[in-house]
Amino acid sequence: MTERARRGAGVARVFAGQPERLAAAWRRVRFAEARKDGTPPCNQLDSVVEPFVREIGRNLEGKEGSPWSRTRAVLRLAPRRGARALHEEFAALRRCLVDAVETLGGGDAERAVVNQAVDEAADSAVAMMERLGNPIAPRPRVPFAGLVVQFFDKSRIAAREKPAAGSTRVAVH
């Protein structure tokens, strides 16, 4: 086995076998980005990152197909936050994964697999978000294997909408 192949196998092994380490790096980046705004991060991709990274690792090991189409997780989409917030999360994930590839000694081939997987996932997630608001919008080109739910960010809504004085009624349904 050549040195190049050995490094590529090491990258694949970490992605497929230890996705929680890469997910933890992504969460640290997201937390640092959110601290600039003074709010805790509210990640839409939080439960998706580890299984997605694992599937990217399987592609790096030689498995065919889209990692996004094999990722089984719950994707929480918050249309109120818009596509930009989703793109920011995927951009942070891409930076973490490409940095990991470089740190582990991977090359252009591994970077290309990571970039293609993240591009497909981001495009698919944005298309799914658009379909939440417009059912006749085009379907994602690359389907997601997991469950997609619409997430209502109550903490951010509550911060913007202060209750009127004297209106402390609670409705129970």
Protein backbone atom coordinates (compact mmCIF):
# COMPACT_ATOMS: atom_id res chain seq x y z
CA MET A 1 0.00 0.00 0.00
CA THR A 2 1.42 3.38 -0.97
CA GLU A 3 1.74 6.23 1.49
CA ARG A 4 -1.03 8.14 -0.32
CA ALA A 5 -3.43 5.18 -0.11
CA ARG A 6 -2.59 4.66 3.57
CA ARG A 7 -3.41 8.30 4.36
CA GLY A 8 -6.68 8.09 2.42
CA ALA A 9 -7.63 4.96 4.34
CA GLY A 10 -6.86 6.78 7.60
CA VAL A 11 -9.16 9.65 6.65
CA ALA A 12 -11.93 7.18 5.76
CA ARG A 13 -11.41 5.28 9.03
CA VAL A 14 -11.79 8.43 11.16
CA PHE A 15 -14.84 9.69 9.25
CA ALA A 16 -16.61 6.30 9.31
CA GLY A 17 -15.48 5.14 12.74
CA GLN A 18 -15.31 8.32 14.80
CA PRO A 19 -17.85 10.77 13.40
CA GLU A 20 -18.58 12.08 16.89
CA ARG A 21 -15.11 13.68 17.00
CA LEU A 22 -15.78 15.62 13.81
CA ALA A 23 -19.29 16.50 14.95
CA ALA A 24 -17.86 17.84 18.22
CA ALA A 25 -15.49 20.07 16.25
CA TRP A 26 -18.43 21.37 14.21
CA ARG A 27 -20.41 22.08 17.40
CA ARG A 28 -17.47 24.01 18.87
CA VAL A 29 -17.28 26.13 15.71
CA ARG A 30 -21.02 26.77 15.77
CA PHE A 31 -20.88 27.69 19.46
CA ALA A 32 -18.03 30.14 18.81
CA GLU A 33 -19.96 31.70 15.91
CA ALA A 34 -23.10 32.05 18.03
CA ARG A 35 -21.19 33.69 20.89
CA LYS A 36 -20.50 36.64 18.59
CA ASP A 37 -24.27 37.30 18.63
CA GLY A 38 -24.55 36.61 22.34
CA THR A 39 -26.97 33.72 21.87
CA PRO A 40 -26.51 29.96 22.15
CA PRO A 41 -26.43 28.10 18.86
CA CYS A 42 -29.67 26.68 17.54
CA ASN A 43 -28.40 24.19 14.99
CA GLN A 44 -30.74 22.69 12.44
CA LEU A 45 -28.17 20.04 11.53
CA ASP A 46 -27.37 18.96 15.08
CA SER A 47 -28.80 15.43 14.90
CA VAL A 48 -27.71 14.94 11.28
CA VAL A 49 -23.98 15.65 11.46
CA GLU A 50 -22.71 12.38 12.97
CA PRO A 51 -24.62 9.98 10.67
CA PHE A 52 -23.82 12.19 7.67
CA VAL A 53 -20.09 12.21 8.48
CA ARG A 54 -20.20 8.43 8.94
CA GLU A 55 -21.74 8.07 5.45
CA ILE A 56 -19.08 10.36 3.97
CA GLY A 57 -16.53 8.03 5.56
CA ARG A 58 -18.16 5.09 3.84
CA ASN A 59 -17.85 6.91 0.51
CA LEU A 60 -14.19 7.50 1.28
CA GLU A 61 -13.91 3.74 1.85
CA GLY A 62 -15.31 3.17 -1.64
CA LYS A 63 -19.07 2.86 -1.19
CA GLU A 64 -21.08 4.20 -4.13
CA GLY A 65 -23.99 6.62 -3.93
CA SER A 66 -24.77 9.80 -2.10
CA PRO A 67 -23.97 9.98 1.62
CA TRP A 68 -26.96 12.30 2.06
CA SER A 69 -29.27 9.69 0.56
CA ARG A 70 -28.03 7.13 3.10
CA THR A 71 -28.10 9.42 6.15
CA ARG A 72 -30.78 8.31 8.58
CA ALA A 73 -31.48 11.06 11.08
CA VAL A 74 -33.95 13.81 11.91
CA LEU A 75 -33.39 17.04 10.01
CA ARG A 76 -35.05 19.99 11.74
CA LEU A 77 -35.67 22.78 9.27
CA ALA A 78 -36.62 26.24 10.51
CA PRO A 79 -38.01 28.19 7.54
CA ARG A 80 -38.30 31.33 9.67
CA ARG A 81 -34.50 31.38 9.92
CA GLY A 82 -34.18 31.03 6.16
CA ALA A 83 -31.79 29.33 3.79
CA ARG A 84 -28.92 31.59 4.84
CA ALA A 85 -28.79 30.07 8.34
CA LEU A 86 -28.78 26.59 6.81
CA HIS A 87 -25.98 27.55 4.43
CA GLU A 88 -23.95 28.90 7.37
CA GLU A 89 -24.26 25.58 9.19
CA PHE A 90 -23.19 23.62 6.12
CA ALA A 91 -20.29 26.04 5.53
CA ALA A 92 -19.05 25.46 9.08
CA LEU A 93 -19.39 21.71 8.57
CA ARG A 94 -17.44 21.89 5.31
CA ARG A 95 -14.62 23.83 6.99
CA CYS A 96 -14.38 21.28 9.80
CA LEU A 97 -14.40 18.29 7.45
CA VAL A 98 -11.87 19.75 5.00
CA ASP A 99 -9.62 20.71 7.92
CA ALA A 100 -9.88 17.14 9.19
CA VAL A 101 -8.98 15.75 5.76
CA GLU A 102 -5.88 17.97 5.65
CA THR A 103 -4.90 17.19 9.26
CA LEU A 104 -5.21 13.46 8.62
CA GLY A 105 -3.04 13.70 5.52
CA GLY A 106 -5.76 13.31 2.92
CA GLY A 107 -5.43 14.76 -0.52
CA ASP A 108 -7.48 16.19 -3.34
CA ALA A 109 -9.51 13.01 -3.83
CA GLU A 110 -10.74 13.02 -0.23
CA ARG A 111 -11.45 16.75 -0.32
CA ALA A 112 -13.48 16.26 -3.50
CA VAL A 113 -15.60 13.55 -1.86
CA VAL A 114 -16.27 15.78 1.15
CA ASN A 115 -17.08 18.85 -0.96
CA GLN A 116 -19.43 16.93 -3.25
CA ALA A 117 -21.26 15.37 -0.29
CA VAL A 118 -21.69 18.71 1.49
CA ASP A 119 -22.84 20.42 -1.74
CA GLU A 120 -25.47 17.73 -2.33
CA ALA A 121 -26.67 17.89 1.26
CA ALA A 122 -26.89 21.68 1.35
CA ASP A 123 -28.75 21.86 -1.97
CA SER A 124 -31.15 19.14 -0.84
CA ALA A 125 -31.83 20.70 2.56
CA VAL A 126 -32.50 24.13 1.04
CA ALA A 127 -34.86 22.57 -1.53
CA MET A 128 -36.71 20.75 1.27
CA MET A 129 -37.01 24.00 3.19
CA GLU A 130 -38.46 25.72 0.14
CA ARG A 131 -41.00 22.90 -0.22
CA LEU A 132 -42.18 23.49 3.36
CA GLY A 133 -43.38 26.93 2.28
CA ASN A 134 -44.36 26.04 -1.27
CA PRO A 135 -45.52 22.46 -1.93
CA ILE A 136 -45.17 22.90 -5.69
CA ALA A 137 -41.50 23.86 -5.44
CA PRO A 138 -39.17 21.34 -7.08
CA ARG A 139 -38.17 18.28 -5.12
CA PRO A 140 -34.53 17.97 -4.02
CA ARG A 141 -32.27 16.47 -6.67
CA VAL A 142 -30.67 14.25 -4.00
CA PRO A 143 -33.22 12.82 -1.56
CA PHE A 144 -32.62 12.68 2.18
CA ALA A 145 -32.96 9.24 3.81
CA GLY A 146 -34.09 10.53 7.19
CA LEU A 147 -37.07 12.33 8.59
CA VAL A 148 -37.60 16.04 7.90
CA VAL A 149 -39.54 18.10 10.43
CA GLN A 150 -40.40 21.75 10.53
CA PHE A 151 -38.83 23.33 13.58
CA PHE A 152 -40.38 26.36 15.24
CA ASP A 153 -37.73 28.31 17.10
CA LYS A 154 -39.78 29.44 20.11
CA SER A 155 -36.91 30.97 22.05
CA ARG A 156 -36.12 33.46 19.30
CA ILE A 157 -39.80 34.23 18.70
CA ALA A 158 -40.39 34.83 22.42
CA ALA A 159 -37.45 37.21 22.59
CA ARG A 160 -38.96 39.37 19.83
CA GLU A 161 -42.56 39.24 21.03
CA LYS A 162 -42.78 40.46 24.63
CA PRO A 163 -46.17 39.75 26.26
CA ALA A 164 -48.39 42.72 26.96
CA ALA A 165 -48.72 43.80 30.59
CA GLY A 166 -51.41 41.85 32.37
CA SER A 167 -51.66 39.07 29.76
CA THR A 168 -50.37 36.12 31.70
CA ARG A 169 -53.00 33.59 30.63
CA VAL A 170 -51.82 30.22 29.57
CA ALA A 171 -53.81 28.13 27.13
CA VAL A 172 -53.77 24.41 27.63
CA HIS A 173 -55.08 22.25 24.81
